Amino acid sequence: MSTTSLESPAELVQRLTAEGLASLRDDVEHGRLETGLKALDERGAASEIVRDQYTGRYPLELIQNANDAGASEGATGGRVKFVVTQSALIVADQGAGFGVDQVRAICGLARSSK
């Protein structure tokens, strides 16, 4: 599970998805069906928690993250810009931006780098 500095956030998400599926496949192939089912159940429960607690909150969370980033860098009066395209929501602020580690953190429940 090595991460190279050349791996883009999209490539990281694809790799993490493939690794999750490979892990589940390995559990099934090696007779660890209970382990695989438990992992799926936990992922389902986590999805419900996120859906119940964060539905509609993403813009607010992104604004809070931008505010936190600005405060940690000593900035005041920061701005956030949202751009919606056909395929993406682009959020720009005065923070350092998301690298591979930050994308990895937001891909898992309760793994924020904050």
PDB file of N, CA and C in Angstrom:
ATOM      1  N   MET A   1       0.828  -1.187   0.000  1.00  0.00           N
ATOM      2  CA  MET A   1       0.000   0.000   0.000  1.00  0.00           C
ATOM      3  C   MET A   1       0.869   1.246   0.000  1.00  0.00           C
ATOM      4  N   SER A   2       1.835   1.280  -0.858  1.00  0.00           N
ATOM      5  CA  SER A   2       2.717   2.433  -0.915  1.00  0.00           C
ATOM      6  C   SER A   2       2.081   3.545  -1.726  1.00  0.00           C
ATOM      7  N   THR A   3       2.389   4.759  -1.342  1.00  0.00           N
ATOM      8  CA  THR A   3       1.867   5.935  -2.030  1.00  0.00           C
ATOM      9  C   THR A   3       3.046   6.672  -2.629  1.00  0.00           C
ATOM     10  N   THR A   4       2.969   6.945  -3.910  1.00  0.00           N
ATOM     11  CA  THR A   4       4.030   7.724  -4.534  1.00  0.00           C
ATOM     12  C   THR A   4       3.580   9.160  -4.640  1.00  0.00           C
ATOM     13  N   SER A   5       4.528  10.077  -4.674  1.00  0.00           N
ATOM     14  CA  SER A   5       4.175  11.491  -4.770  1.00  0.00           C
ATOM     15  C   SER A   5       3.575  11.817  -6.133  1.00  0.00           C
ATOM     16  N   LEU A   6       3.707  10.896  -7.096  1.00  0.00           N
ATOM     17  CA  LEU A   6       3.155  11.132  -8.428  1.00  0.00           C
ATOM     18  C   LEU A   6       1.700  10.686  -8.538  1.00  0.00           C
ATOM     19  N   GLU A   7       1.179  10.030  -7.514  1.00  0.00           N
ATOM     20  CA  GLU A   7      -0.188   9.525  -7.543  1.00  0.00           C
ATOM     21  C   GLU A   7      -1.162  10.684  -7.324  1.00  0.00           C
ATOM     22  N   SER A   8      -2.087  10.854  -8.246  1.00  0.00           N
ATOM     23  CA  SER A   8      -3.070  11.926  -8.125  1.00  0.00           C
ATOM     24  C   SER A   8      -4.155  11.505  -7.133  1.00  0.00           C
ATOM     25  N   PRO A   9      -4.915  12.471  -6.617  1.00  0.00           N
ATOM     26  CA  PRO A   9      -6.021  12.096  -5.730  1.00  0.00           C
ATOM     27  C   PRO A   9      -6.997  11.117  -6.382  1.00  0.00           C
ATOM     28  N   ALA A  10      -7.304  11.300  -7.666  1.00  0.00           N
ATOM     29  CA  ALA A  10      -8.223  10.376  -8.357  1.00  0.00           C
ATOM     30  C   ALA A  10      -7.626   8.976  -8.440  1.00  0.00           C
ATOM     31  N   GLU A  11      -6.336   8.902  -8.717  1.00  0.00           N
ATOM     32  CA  GLU A  11      -5.670   7.594  -8.767  1.00  0.00           C
ATOM     33  C   GLU A  11      -5.665   6.935  -7.392  1.00  0.00           C
ATOM     34  N   LEU A  12      -5.502   7.748  -6.349  1.00  0.00           N
ATOM     35  CA  LEU A  12      -5.530   7.219  -4.989  1.00  0.00           C
ATOM     36  C   LEU A  12      -6.892   6.625  -4.667  1.00  0.00           C
ATOM     37  N   VAL A  13      -7.959   7.334  -5.005  1.00  0.00           N
ATOM     38  CA  VAL A  13      -9.307   6.823  -4.752  1.00  0.00           C
ATOM     39  C   VAL A  13      -9.519   5.514  -5.504  1.00  0.00           C
ATOM     40  N   GLN A  14      -9.092   5.457  -6.753  1.00  0.00           N
ATOM     41  CA  GLN A  14      -9.224   4.222  -7.536  1.00  0.00           C
ATOM     42  C   GLN A  14      -8.434   3.081  -6.910  1.00  0.00           C
ATOM     43  N   ARG A  15      -7.221   3.385  -6.449  1.00  0.00           N
ATOM     44  CA  ARG A  15      -6.393   2.345  -5.839  1.00  0.00           C
ATOM     45  C   ARG A  15      -6.992   1.849  -4.531  1.00  0.00           C
ATOM     46  N   LEU A  16      -7.491   2.771  -3.700  1.00  0.00           N
ATOM     47  CA  LEU A  16      -8.099   2.364  -2.430  1.00  0.00           C
ATOM     48  C   LEU A  16      -9.340   1.507  -2.655  1.00  0.00           C
ATOM     49  N   THR A  17     -10.117   1.839  -3.669  1.00  0.00           N
ATOM     50  CA  THR A  17     -11.285   1.036  -4.010  1.00  0.00           C
ATOM     51  C   THR A  17     -10.860  -0.363  -4.443  1.00  0.00           C
ATOM     52  N   ALA A  18      -9.859  -0.438  -5.312  1.00  0.00           N
ATOM     53  CA  ALA A  18      -9.360  -1.736  -5.785  1.00  0.00           C
ATOM     54  C   ALA A  18      -8.801  -2.559  -4.630  1.00  0.00           C
ATOM     55  N   GLU A  19      -8.091  -1.904  -3.710  1.00  0.00           N
ATOM     56  CA  GLU A  19      -7.543  -2.627  -2.553  1.00  0.00           C
ATOM     57  C   GLU A  19      -8.649  -3.160  -1.657  1.00  0.00           C
ATOM     58  N   GLY A  20      -9.704  -2.376  -1.465  1.00  0.00           N
ATOM     59  CA  GLY A  20     -10.828  -2.831  -0.651  1.00  0.00           C
ATOM     60  C   GLY A  20     -11.500  -4.045  -1.264  1.00  0.00           C
ATOM     61  N   LEU A  21     -11.698  -4.014  -2.585  1.00  0.00           N
ATOM     62  CA  LEU A  21     -12.303  -5.158  -3.275  1.00  0.00           C
ATOM     63  C   LEU A  21     -11.391  -6.369  -3.243  1.00  0.00           C
ATOM     64  N   ALA A  22     -10.095  -6.149  -3.391  1.00  0.00           N
ATOM     65  CA  ALA A  22      -9.144  -7.263  -3.342  1.00  0.00           C
ATOM     66  C   ALA A  22      -9.141  -7.911  -1.961  1.00  0.00           C
ATOM     67  N   SER A  23      -9.241  -7.103  -0.917  1.00  0.00           N
ATOM     68  CA  SER A  23      -9.279  -7.629   0.445  1.00  0.00           C
ATOM     69  C   SER A  23     -10.523  -8.482   0.658  1.00  0.00           C
ATOM     70  N   LEU A  24     -11.662  -8.003   0.180  1.00  0.00           N
ATOM     71  CA  LEU A  24     -12.907  -8.762   0.299  1.00  0.00           C
ATOM     72  C   LEU A  24     -12.817 -10.065  -0.494  1.00  0.00           C
ATOM     73  N   ARG A  25     -12.286  -9.985  -1.699  1.00  0.00           N
ATOM     74  CA  ARG A  25     -12.114 -11.178  -2.539  1.00  0.00           C
ATOM     75  C   ARG A  25     -11.209 -12.198  -1.848  1.00  0.00           C
ATOM     76  N   ASP A  26     -10.128 -11.724  -1.237  1.00  0.00           N
ATOM     77  CA  ASP A  26      -9.198 -12.595  -0.529  1.00  0.00           C
ATOM     78  C   ASP A  26      -9.883 -13.285   0.656  1.00  0.00           C
ATOM     79  N   ASP A  27     -10.695 -12.534   1.396  1.00  0.00           N
ATOM     80  CA  ASP A  27     -11.437 -13.136   2.513  1.00  0.00           C
ATOM     81  C   ASP A  27     -12.325 -14.269   2.029  1.00  0.00           C
ATOM     82  N   VAL A  28     -13.052 -14.037   0.949  1.00  0.00           N
ATOM     83  CA  VAL A  28     -13.963 -15.054   0.420  1.00  0.00           C
ATOM     84  C   VAL A  28     -13.185 -16.268  -0.089  1.00  0.00           C
ATOM     85  N   GLU A  29     -12.111 -16.011  -0.846  1.00  0.00           N
ATOM     86  CA  GLU A  29     -11.334 -17.109  -1.428  1.00  0.00           C
ATOM     87  C   GLU A  29     -10.629 -17.967  -0.381  1.00  0.00           C
ATOM     88  N   HIS A  30     -10.342 -17.394   0.781  1.00  0.00           N
ATOM     89  CA  HIS A  30      -9.625 -18.134   1.814  1.00  0.00           C
ATOM     90  C   HIS A  30     -10.518 -18.548   2.980  1.00  0.00           C
ATOM     91  N   GLY A  31     -11.817 -18.610   2.726  1.00  0.00           N
ATOM     92  CA  GLY A  31     -12.742 -19.138   3.717  1.00  0.00           C
ATOM     93  C   GLY A  31     -13.011 -18.230   4.898  1.00  0.00           C
ATOM     94  N   ARG A  32     -12.714 -16.962   4.757  1.00  0.00           N
ATOM     95  CA  ARG A  32     -12.973 -16.011   5.845  1.00  0.00           C
ATOM     96  C   ARG A  32     -14.232 -15.210   5.542  1.00  0.00           C
ATOM     97  N   LEU A  33     -15.288 -15.924   5.222  1.00  0.00           N
ATOM     98  CA  LEU A  33     -16.541 -15.275   4.830  1.00  0.00           C
ATOM     99  C   LEU A  33     -17.076 -14.367   5.933  1.00  0.00           C
ATOM    100  N   GLU A  34     -17.005 -14.811   7.184  1.00  0.00           N
ATOM    101  CA  GLU A  34     -17.491 -13.990   8.304  1.00  0.00           C
ATOM    102  C   GLU A  34     -16.735 -12.661   8.387  1.00  0.00           C
ATOM    103  N   THR A  35     -15.426 -12.717   8.174  1.00  0.00           N
ATOM    104  CA  THR A  35     -14.611 -11.497   8.205  1.00  0.00           C
ATOM    105  C   THR A  35     -15.046 -10.538   7.103  1.00  0.00           C
ATOM    106  N   GLY A  36     -15.234 -11.077   5.895  1.00  0.00           N
ATOM    107  CA  GLY A  36     -15.667 -10.254   4.775  1.00  0.00           C
ATOM    108  C   GLY A  36     -17.045  -9.658   4.997  1.00  0.00           C
ATOM    109  N   LEU A  37     -17.970 -10.474   5.525  1.00  0.00           N
ATOM    110  CA  LEU A  37     -19.326  -9.978   5.792  1.00  0.00           C
ATOM    111  C   LEU A  37     -19.325  -8.903   6.876  1.00  0.00           C
ATOM    112  N   LYS A  38     -18.490  -9.094   7.896  1.00  0.00           N
ATOM    113  CA  LYS A  38     -18.394  -8.092   8.959  1.00  0.00           C
ATOM    114  C   LYS A  38     -17.870  -6.770   8.398  1.00  0.00           C
ATOM    115  N   ALA A  39     -16.849  -6.841   7.539  1.00  0.00           N
ATOM    116  CA  ALA A  39     -16.295  -5.629   6.936  1.00  0.00           C
ATOM    117  C   ALA A  39     -17.352  -4.902   6.104  1.00  0.00           C
ATOM    118  N   LEU A  40     -18.124  -5.660   5.327  1.00  0.00           N
ATOM    119  CA  LEU A  40     -19.189  -5.040   4.533  1.00  0.00           C
ATOM    120  C   LEU A  40     -20.251  -4.410   5.420  1.00  0.00           C
ATOM    121  N   ASP A  41     -20.612  -5.101   6.498  1.00  0.00           N
ATOM    122  CA  ASP A  41     -21.608  -4.569   7.425  1.00  0.00           C
ATOM    123  C   ASP A  41     -21.122  -3.271   8.056  1.00  0.00           C
ATOM    124  N   GLU A  42     -19.849  -3.245   8.462  1.00  0.00           N
ATOM    125  CA  GLU A  42     -19.293  -2.031   9.066  1.00  0.00           C
ATOM    126  C   GLU A  42     -19.259  -0.875   8.068  1.00  0.00           C
ATOM    127  N   ARG A  43     -18.935  -1.187   6.825  1.00  0.00           N
ATOM    128  CA  ARG A  43     -18.944  -0.131   5.797  1.00  0.00           C
ATOM    129  C   ARG A  43     -20.345   0.404   5.580  1.00  0.00           C
ATOM    130  N   GLY A  44     -21.325  -0.500   5.592  1.00  0.00           N
ATOM    131  CA  GLY A  44     -22.718  -0.073   5.439  1.00  0.00           C
ATOM    132  C   GLY A  44     -23.161   0.812   6.588  1.00  0.00           C
ATOM    133  N   ALA A  45     -22.795   0.424   7.811  1.00  0.00           N
ATOM    134  CA  ALA A  45     -23.149   1.228   8.983  1.00  0.00           C
ATOM    135  C   ALA A  45     -22.479   2.593   8.914  1.00  0.00           C
ATOM    136  N   ALA A  46     -21.233   2.620   8.493  1.00  0.00           N
ATOM    137  CA  ALA A  46     -20.521   3.891   8.370  1.00  0.00           C
ATOM    138  C   ALA A  46     -21.186   4.785   7.325  1.00  0.00           C
ATOM    139  N   SER A  47     -21.629   4.180   6.224  1.00  0.00           N
ATOM    140  CA  SER A  47     -22.313   4.957   5.181  1.00  0.00           C
ATOM    141  C   SER A  47     -23.594   5.576   5.715  1.00  0.00           C
ATOM    142  N   GLU A  48     -24.325   4.819   6.531  1.00  0.00           N
ATOM    143  CA  GLU A  48     -25.561   5.348   7.118  1.00  0.00           C
ATOM    144  C   GLU A  48     -25.272   6.510   8.047  1.00  0.00           C
ATOM    145  N   ILE A  49     -24.214   6.393   8.856  1.00  0.00           N
ATOM    146  CA  ILE A  49     -23.849   7.482   9.769  1.00  0.00           C
ATOM    147  C   ILE A  49     -23.531   8.741   8.970  1.00  0.00           C
ATOM    148  N   VAL A  50     -22.725   8.588   7.940  1.00  0.00           N
ATOM    149  CA  VAL A  50     -22.356   9.738   7.113  1.00  0.00           C
ATOM    150  C   VAL A  50     -23.600  10.332   6.457  1.00  0.00           C
ATOM    151  N   ARG A  51     -24.451   9.478   5.889  1.00  0.00           N
ATOM    152  CA  ARG A  51     -25.670   9.962   5.224  1.00  0.00           C
ATOM    153  C   ARG A  51     -26.568  10.698   6.207  1.00  0.00           C
ATOM    154  N   ASP A  52     -26.736  10.143   7.411  1.00  0.00           N
ATOM    155  CA  ASP A  52     -27.628  10.753   8.395  1.00  0.00           C
ATOM    156  C   ASP A  52     -27.075  12.043   8.977  1.00  0.00           C
ATOM    157  N   GLN A  53     -25.777  12.094   9.215  1.00  0.00           N
ATOM    158  CA  GLN A  53     -25.200  13.240   9.908  1.00  0.00           C
ATOM    159  C   GLN A  53     -24.621  14.308   8.990  1.00  0.00           C
ATOM    160  N   TYR A  54     -24.329  13.966   7.731  1.00  0.00           N
ATOM    161  CA  TYR A  54     -23.647  14.920   6.866  1.00  0.00           C
ATOM    162  C   TYR A  54     -24.408  15.300   5.603  1.00  0.00           C
ATOM    163  N   THR A  55     -25.582  14.726   5.385  1.00  0.00           N
ATOM    164  CA  THR A  55     -26.348  15.079   4.193  1.00  0.00           C
ATOM    165  C   THR A  55     -26.618  16.583   4.179  1.00  0.00           C
ATOM    166  N   GLY A  56     -26.235  17.214   3.099  1.00  0.00           N
ATOM    167  CA  GLY A  56     -26.450  18.645   2.955  1.00  0.00           C
ATOM    168  C   GLY A  56     -25.424  19.511   3.672  1.00  0.00           C
ATOM    169  N   ARG A  57     -24.486  18.913   4.376  1.00  0.00           N
ATOM    170  CA  ARG A  57     -23.505  19.679   5.147  1.00  0.00           C
ATOM    171  C   ARG A  57     -22.178  19.862   4.423  1.00  0.00           C
ATOM    172  N   TYR A  58     -22.006  19.241   3.262  1.00  0.00           N
ATOM    173  CA  TYR A  58     -20.702  19.316   2.607  1.00  0.00           C
ATOM    174  C   TYR A  58     -20.234  20.739   2.345  1.00  0.00           C
ATOM    175  N   PRO A  59     -21.074  21.631   1.825  1.00  0.00           N
ATOM    176  CA  PRO A  59     -20.581  23.006   1.629  1.00  0.00           C
ATOM    177  C   PRO A  59     -20.133  23.647   2.943  1.00  0.00           C
ATOM    178  N   LEU A  60     -20.908  23.444   4.012  1.00  0.00           N
ATOM    179  CA  LEU A  60     -20.529  24.001   5.306  1.00  0.00           C
ATOM    180  C   LEU A  60     -19.213  23.398   5.792  1.00  0.00           C
ATOM    181  N   GLU A  61     -19.041  22.086   5.649  1.00  0.00           N
ATOM    182  CA  GLU A  61     -17.795  21.435   6.058  1.00  0.00           C
ATOM    183  C   GLU A  61     -16.607  21.989   5.274  1.00  0.00           C
ATOM    184  N   LEU A  62     -16.792  22.213   3.980  1.00  0.00           N
ATOM    185  CA  LEU A  62     -15.713  22.752   3.156  1.00  0.00           C
ATOM    186  C   LEU A  62     -15.366  24.181   3.559  1.00  0.00           C
ATOM    187  N   ILE A  63     -16.377  24.970   3.904  1.00  0.00           N
ATOM    188  CA  ILE A  63     -16.129  26.337   4.379  1.00  0.00           C
ATOM    189  C   ILE A  63     -15.389  26.304   5.710  1.00  0.00           C
ATOM    190  N   GLN A  64     -15.816  25.400   6.605  1.00  0.00           N
ATOM    191  CA  GLN A  64     -15.126  25.277   7.894  1.00  0.00           C
ATOM    192  C   GLN A  64     -13.674  24.848   7.693  1.00  0.00           C
ATOM    193  N   ASN A  65     -13.438  23.909   6.776  1.00  0.00           N
ATOM    194  CA  ASN A  65     -12.066  23.481   6.493  1.00  0.00           C
ATOM    195  C   ASN A  65     -11.223  24.642   5.979  1.00  0.00           C
ATOM    196  N   ALA A  66     -11.808  25.453   5.092  1.00  0.00           N
ATOM    197  CA  ALA A  66     -11.081  26.611   4.562  1.00  0.00           C
ATOM    198  C   ALA A  66     -10.771  27.598   5.684  1.00  0.00           C
ATOM    199  N   ASN A  67     -11.727  27.811   6.573  1.00  0.00           N
ATOM    200  CA  ASN A  67     -11.512  28.700   7.708  1.00  0.00           C
ATOM    201  C   ASN A  67     -10.395  28.168   8.610  1.00  0.00           C
ATOM    202  N   ASP A  68     -10.429  26.864   8.894  1.00  0.00           N
ATOM    203  CA  ASP A  68      -9.386  26.242   9.721  1.00  0.00           C
ATOM    204  C   ASP A  68      -8.014  26.396   9.064  1.00  0.00           C
ATOM    205  N   ALA A  69      -7.962  26.192   7.749  1.00  0.00           N
ATOM    206  CA  ALA A  69      -6.687  26.290   7.032  1.00  0.00           C
ATOM    207  C   ALA A  69      -6.142  27.709   7.110  1.00  0.00           C
ATOM    208  N   GLY A  70      -7.003  28.684   6.912  1.00  0.00           N
ATOM    209  CA  GLY A  70      -6.570  30.070   6.980  1.00  0.00           C
ATOM    210  C   GLY A  70      -6.099  30.446   8.366  1.00  0.00           C
ATOM    211  N   ALA A  71      -6.814  29.984   9.381  1.00  0.00           N
ATOM    212  CA  ALA A  71      -6.446  30.302  10.767  1.00  0.00           C
ATOM    213  C   ALA A  71      -5.112  29.676  11.133  1.00  0.00           C
ATOM    214  N   SER A  72      -4.865  28.461  10.654  1.00  0.00           N
ATOM    215  CA  SER A  72      -3.612  27.794  10.997  1.00  0.00           C
ATOM    216  C   SER A  72      -2.416  28.456  10.322  1.00  0.00           C
ATOM    217  N   GLU A  73      -2.680  29.177   9.247  1.00  0.00           N
ATOM    218  CA  GLU A  73      -1.594  29.862   8.533  1.00  0.00           C
ATOM    219  C   GLU A  73      -1.544  31.346   8.884  1.00  0.00           C
ATOM    220  N   GLY A  74      -2.345  31.765   9.872  1.00  0.00           N
ATOM    221  CA  GLY A  74      -2.328  33.141  10.325  1.00  0.00           C
ATOM    222  C   GLY A  74      -3.090  34.115   9.446  1.00  0.00           C
ATOM    223  N   ALA A  75      -3.872  33.624   8.513  1.00  0.00           N
ATOM    224  CA  ALA A  75      -4.624  34.500   7.613  1.00  0.00           C
ATOM    225  C   ALA A  75      -5.900  34.989   8.301  1.00  0.00           C
ATOM    226  N   THR A  76      -6.352  36.155   7.910  1.00  0.00           N
ATOM    227  CA  THR A  76      -7.639  36.667   8.379  1.00  0.00           C
ATOM    228  C   THR A  76      -8.429  37.118   7.166  1.00  0.00           C
ATOM    229  N   GLY A  77      -9.737  37.047   7.269  1.00  0.00           N
ATOM    230  CA  GLY A  77     -10.591  37.506   6.179  1.00  0.00           C
ATOM    231  C   GLY A  77     -10.459  36.663   4.929  1.00  0.00           C
ATOM    232  N   GLY A  78     -10.250  35.352   5.091  1.00  0.00           N
ATOM    233  CA  GLY A  78     -10.082  34.466   3.948  1.00  0.00           C
ATOM    234  C   GLY A  78     -11.341  34.345   3.112  1.00  0.00           C
ATOM    235  N   ARG A  79     -11.158  33.868   1.907  1.00  0.00           N
ATOM    236  CA  ARG A  79     -12.284  33.686   0.994  1.00  0.00           C
ATOM    237  C   ARG A  79     -12.310  32.250   0.503  1.00  0.00           C
ATOM    238  N   VAL A  80     -13.498  31.807   0.134  1.00  0.00           N
ATOM    239  CA  VAL A  80     -13.706  30.476  -0.429  1.00  0.00           C
ATOM    240  C   VAL A  80     -14.486  30.655  -1.725  1.00  0.00           C
ATOM    241  N   LYS A  81     -14.083  29.925  -2.749  1.00  0.00           N
ATOM    242  CA  LYS A  81     -14.790  29.993  -4.020  1.00  0.00           C
ATOM    243  C   LYS A  81     -15.236  28.594  -4.405  1.00  0.00           C
ATOM    244  N   PHE A  82     -16.517  28.440  -4.750  1.00  0.00           N
ATOM    245  CA  PHE A  82     -17.085  27.184  -5.219  1.00  0.00           C
ATOM    246  C   PHE A  82     -17.357  27.321  -6.716  1.00  0.00           C
ATOM    247  N   VAL A  83     -16.901  26.357  -7.487  1.00  0.00           N
ATOM    248  CA  VAL A  83     -17.172  26.313  -8.926  1.00  0.00           C
ATOM    249  C   VAL A  83     -17.774  24.949  -9.232  1.00  0.00           C
ATOM    250  N   VAL A  84     -18.962  24.948  -9.823  1.00  0.00           N
ATOM    251  CA  VAL A  84     -19.625  23.697 -10.176  1.00  0.00           C
ATOM    252  C   VAL A  84     -19.494  23.492 -11.678  1.00  0.00           C
ATOM    253  N   THR A  85     -18.947  22.335 -12.061  1.00  0.00           N
ATOM    254  CA  THR A  85     -18.822  21.988 -13.477  1.00  0.00           C
ATOM    255  C   THR A  85     -19.712  20.784 -13.749  1.00  0.00           C
ATOM    256  N   GLN A  86     -19.686  20.300 -14.968  1.00  0.00           N
ATOM    257  CA  GLN A  86     -20.469  19.118 -15.323  1.00  0.00           C
ATOM    258  C   GLN A  86     -20.022  17.873 -14.568  1.00  0.00           C
ATOM    259  N   SER A  87     -18.758  17.836 -14.172  1.00  0.00           N
ATOM    260  CA  SER A  87     -18.236  16.619 -13.560  1.00  0.00           C
ATOM    261  C   SER A  87     -17.583  16.812 -12.190  1.00  0.00           C
ATOM    262  N   ALA A  88     -17.580  18.042 -11.676  1.00  0.00           N
ATOM    263  CA  ALA A  88     -16.852  18.252 -10.420  1.00  0.00           C
ATOM    264  C   ALA A  88     -17.365  19.462  -9.660  1.00  0.00           C
ATOM    265  N   LEU A  89     -17.097  19.440  -8.367  1.00  0.00           N
ATOM    266  CA  LEU A  89     -17.244  20.616  -7.525  1.00  0.00           C
ATOM    267  C   LEU A  89     -15.824  21.024  -7.163  1.00  0.00           C
ATOM    268  N   ILE A  90     -15.441  22.217  -7.549  1.00  0.00           N
ATOM    269  CA  ILE A  90     -14.095  22.713  -7.275  1.00  0.00           C
ATOM    270  C   ILE A  90     -14.215  23.737  -6.157  1.00  0.00           C
ATOM    271  N   VAL A  91     -13.402  23.552  -5.129  1.00  0.00           N
ATOM    272  CA  VAL A  91     -13.405  24.455  -3.994  1.00  0.00           C
ATOM    273  C   VAL A  91     -12.010  25.036  -3.853  1.00  0.00           C
ATOM    274  N   ALA A  92     -11.930  26.346  -3.855  1.00  0.00           N
ATOM    275  CA  ALA A  92     -10.632  27.013  -3.722  1.00  0.00           C
ATOM    276  C   ALA A  92     -10.650  27.887  -2.475  1.00  0.00           C
ATOM    277  N   ASP A  93      -9.571  27.826  -1.724  1.00  0.00           N
ATOM    278  CA  ASP A  93      -9.418  28.682  -0.556  1.00  0.00           C
ATOM    279  C   ASP A  93      -7.943  29.032  -0.418  1.00  0.00           C
ATOM    280  N   GLN A  94      -7.587  29.635   0.683  1.00  0.00           N
ATOM    281  CA  GLN A  94      -6.206  30.076   0.883  1.00  0.00           C
ATOM    282  C   GLN A  94      -5.368  29.030   1.614  1.00  0.00           C
ATOM    283  N   GLY A  95      -5.911  27.851   1.816  1.00  0.00           N
ATOM    284  CA  GLY A  95      -5.178  26.790   2.506  1.00  0.00           C
ATOM    285  C   GLY A  95      -4.166  26.126   1.596  1.00  0.00           C
ATOM    286  N   ALA A  96      -3.485  25.152   2.160  1.00  0.00           N
ATOM    287  CA  ALA A  96      -2.418  24.461   1.435  1.00  0.00           C
ATOM    288  C   ALA A  96      -2.952  23.500   0.374  1.00  0.00           C
ATOM    289  N   GLY A  97      -4.207  23.159   0.432  1.00  0.00           N
ATOM    290  CA  GLY A  97      -4.774  22.231  -0.541  1.00  0.00           C
ATOM    291  C   GLY A  97      -4.686  20.794  -0.068  1.00  0.00           C
ATOM    292  N   PHE A  98      -5.318  19.908  -0.808  1.00  0.00           N
ATOM    293  CA  PHE A  98      -5.343  18.492  -0.460  1.00  0.00           C
ATOM    294  C   PHE A  98      -4.261  17.755  -1.214  1.00  0.00           C
ATOM    295  N   GLY A  99      -3.477  17.033  -0.499  1.00  0.00           N
ATOM    296  CA  GLY A  99      -2.505  16.124  -1.083  1.00  0.00           C
ATOM    297  C   GLY A  99      -3.013  14.703  -0.921  1.00  0.00           C
ATOM    298  N   VAL A 100      -2.172  13.761  -1.218  1.00  0.00           N
ATOM    299  CA  VAL A 100      -2.535  12.349  -1.145  1.00  0.00           C
ATOM    300  C   VAL A 100      -2.975  11.963   0.265  1.00  0.00           C
ATOM    301  N   ASP A 101      -2.260  12.430   1.293  1.00  0.00           N
ATOM    302  CA  ASP A 101      -2.608  12.074   2.674  1.00  0.00           C
ATOM    303  C   ASP A 101      -3.989  12.594   3.064  1.00  0.00           C
ATOM    304  N   GLN A 102      -4.336  13.794   2.627  1.00  0.00           N
ATOM    305  CA  GLN A 102      -5.647  14.343   2.948  1.00  0.00           C
ATOM    306  C   GLN A 102      -6.758  13.597   2.216  1.00  0.00           C
ATOM    307  N   VAL A 103      -6.518  13.223   0.967  1.00  0.00           N
ATOM    308  CA  VAL A 103      -7.519  12.444   0.232  1.00  0.00           C
ATOM    309  C   VAL A 103      -7.709  11.097   0.915  1.00  0.00           C
ATOM    310  N   ARG A 104      -6.615  10.463   1.319  1.00  0.00           N
ATOM    311  CA  ARG A 104      -6.703   9.183   2.041  1.00  0.00           C
ATOM    312  C   ARG A 104      -7.539   9.365   3.316  1.00  0.00           C
ATOM    313  N   ALA A 105      -7.322  10.464   4.039  1.00  0.00           N
ATOM    314  CA  ALA A 105      -8.036  10.698   5.295  1.00  0.00           C
ATOM    315  C   ALA A 105      -9.540  10.855   5.073  1.00  0.00           C
ATOM    316  N   ILE A 106      -9.937  11.584   4.036  1.00  0.00           N
ATOM    317  CA  ILE A 106     -11.369  11.782   3.830  1.00  0.00           C
ATOM    318  C   ILE A 106     -12.055  10.574   3.200  1.00  0.00           C
ATOM    319  N   CYS A 107     -11.268   9.623   2.708  1.00  0.00           N
ATOM    320  CA  CYS A 107     -11.848   8.392   2.146  1.00  0.00           C
ATOM    321  C   CYS A 107     -12.244   7.404   3.239  1.00  0.00           C
ATOM    322  N   GLY A 108     -11.858   7.664   4.473  1.00  0.00           N
ATOM    323  CA  GLY A 108     -12.206   6.781   5.571  1.00  0.00           C
ATOM    324  C   GLY A 108     -12.940   7.549   6.657  1.00  0.00           C
ATOM    325  N   LEU A 109     -13.878   6.911   7.291  1.00  0.00           N
ATOM    326  CA  LEU A 109     -14.660   7.535   8.336  1.00  0.00           C
ATOM    327  C   LEU A 109     -13.782   7.818   9.551  1.00  0.00           C
ATOM    328  N   ALA A 110     -13.914   9.005  10.098  1.00  0.00           N
ATOM    329  CA  ALA A 110     -13.205   9.433  11.312  1.00  0.00           C
ATOM    330  C   ALA A 110     -11.686   9.351  11.159  1.00  0.00           C
ATOM    331  N   ARG A 111     -11.181   9.666   9.960  1.00  0.00           N
ATOM    332  CA  ARG A 111      -9.736   9.634   9.743  1.00  0.00           C
ATOM    333  C   ARG A 111      -9.210  10.995   9.309  1.00  0.00           C
ATOM    334  N   SER A 112      -9.929  12.029   9.666  1.00  0.00           N
ATOM    335  CA  SER A 112      -9.519  13.366   9.273  1.00  0.00           C
ATOM    336  C   SER A 112      -8.158  13.697   9.840  1.00  0.00           C
ATOM    337  N   SER A 113      -7.414  14.531   9.111  1.00  0.00           N
ATOM    338  CA  SER A 113      -6.102  14.946   9.585  1.00  0.00           C
ATOM    339  C   SER A 113      -6.201  16.134  10.537  1.00  0.00           C
ATOM    340  N   LYS A 114      -7.420  16.600  10.814  1.00  0.00           N
ATOM    341  CA  LYS A 114      -7.591  17.721  11.742  1.00  0.00           C
ATOM    342  C   LYS A 114      -7.452  17.239  13.161  1.00  0.00           C
TER     343      LYS A 114
END
